[in-house]
C-alpha atoms as a PDB file:
ATOM      1  CA  MET A   1       8.467  -5.551  -5.613  1.00  0.00           C
ATOM      2  CA  ALA A   2       5.216  -4.513  -7.281  1.00  0.00           C
ATOM      3  CA  THR A   3       4.023  -8.119  -7.430  1.00  0.00           C
ATOM      4  CA  TYR A   4       4.828  -8.580  -3.744  1.00  0.00           C
ATOM      5  CA  SER A   5       2.930  -5.414  -2.821  1.00  0.00           C
ATOM      6  CA  LEU A   6      -0.056  -6.474  -4.914  1.00  0.00           C
ATOM      7  CA  LEU A   7      -0.171  -9.942  -3.348  1.00  0.00           C
ATOM      8  CA  LEU A   8       0.167  -8.477   0.141  1.00  0.00           C
ATOM      9  CA  GLY A   9      -2.702  -6.071  -0.561  1.00  0.00           C
ATOM     10  CA  ILE A  10      -4.928  -8.859  -1.863  1.00  0.00           C
ATOM     11  CA  ILE A  11      -4.177 -10.931   1.240  1.00  0.00           C
ATOM     12  CA  VAL A  12      -5.097  -7.971   3.477  1.00  0.00           C
ATOM     13  CA  ILE A  13      -8.408  -7.518   1.629  1.00  0.00           C
ATOM     14  CA  ILE A  14      -9.225 -11.238   1.895  1.00  0.00           C
ATOM     15  CA  ILE A  15      -8.330 -11.380   5.608  1.00  0.00           C
ATOM     16  CA  SER A  16     -10.458  -8.323   6.406  1.00  0.00           C
ATOM     17  CA  TRP A  17     -13.295  -9.814   4.365  1.00  0.00           C
ATOM     18  CA  LYS A  18     -13.194 -13.231   6.052  1.00  0.00           C
ATOM     19  CA  PHE A  19     -12.615 -12.159   9.656  1.00  0.00           C
ATOM     20  CA  PHE A  20     -14.414  -8.829   9.853  1.00  0.00           C
ATOM     21  CA  ASN A  21     -16.906  -9.274   6.976  1.00  0.00           C
ATOM     22  CA  ASP A  22     -15.851  -5.857   5.682  1.00  0.00           C
ATOM     23  CA  TRP A  23     -13.892  -6.009   2.433  1.00  0.00           C
ATOM     24  CA  ALA A  24     -14.282  -2.266   1.766  1.00  0.00           C
ATOM     25  CA  SER A  25     -12.101  -1.352   4.754  1.00  0.00           C
ATOM     26  CA  GLY A  26      -9.384  -3.687   3.536  1.00  0.00           C
ATOM     27  CA  LEU A  27      -9.574  -2.206   0.051  1.00  0.00           C
ATOM     28  CA  ALA A  28      -9.492   1.354   1.364  1.00  0.00           C
ATOM     29  CA  GLY A  29      -6.536   0.524   3.611  1.00  0.00           C
ATOM     30  CA  PHE A  30      -4.688  -1.075   0.710  1.00  0.00           C
ATOM     31  CA  ILE A  31      -5.209   1.962  -1.542  1.00  0.00           C
ATOM     32  CA  TYR A  32      -4.371   4.456   1.220  1.00  0.00           C
ATOM     33  CA  GLY A  33      -1.291   2.477   2.259  1.00  0.00           C
ATOM     34  CA  GLY A  34      -0.122   2.269  -1.342  1.00  0.00           C
ATOM     35  CA  VAL A  35      -0.499   6.008  -1.839  1.00  0.00           C
ATOM     36  CA  LEU A  36       1.443   6.722   1.357  1.00  0.00           C
ATOM     37  CA  PHE A  37       4.178   4.230   0.448  1.00  0.00           C
ATOM     38  CA  TRP A  38       4.719   5.600  -3.060  1.00  0.00           C
ATOM     39  CA  SER A  39       4.527   9.215  -1.858  1.00  0.00           C
ATOM     40  CA  PHE A  40       7.231   8.526   0.710  1.00  0.00           C
ATOM     41  CA  LYS A  41       9.372   6.745  -1.880  1.00  0.00           C
ATOM     42  CA  LEU A  42       8.986   9.653  -4.319  1.00  0.00           C
ATOM     43  CA  PHE A  43       9.882  12.143  -1.580  1.00  0.00           C
ATOM     44  CA  VAL A  44      13.060  10.216  -0.736  1.00  0.00           C
ATOM     45  CA  GLN A  45      14.070  10.089  -4.420  1.00  0.00           C
ATOM     46  CA  MET A  46      13.499  13.839  -4.764  1.00  0.00           C
ATOM     47  CA  ILE A  47      15.679  14.547  -1.733  1.00  0.00           C
ATOM     48  CA  LYS A  48      18.421  12.300  -3.143  1.00  0.00           C
ATOM     49  CA  ALA A  49      18.223  14.080  -6.501  1.00  0.00           C
ATOM     50  CA  LEU A  50      18.402  17.527  -4.943  1.00  0.00           C
ATOM     51  CA  PHE A  51      21.123  16.907  -2.360  1.00  0.00           C
ATOM     52  CA  GLY A  52      22.819  13.729  -3.601  1.00  0.00           C
END
């Protein structure tokens, strides 16, 4: 899963770099998306631990 997420993020950065000539936006989106994804996953695991 981590390898898939990393490859997907690299592809997003490359696509934003080639088509929009702005690799920083792709990198920022990748980091922000990763933080949101892992925060949501952690939140779900905490709820399962508390109520499961």
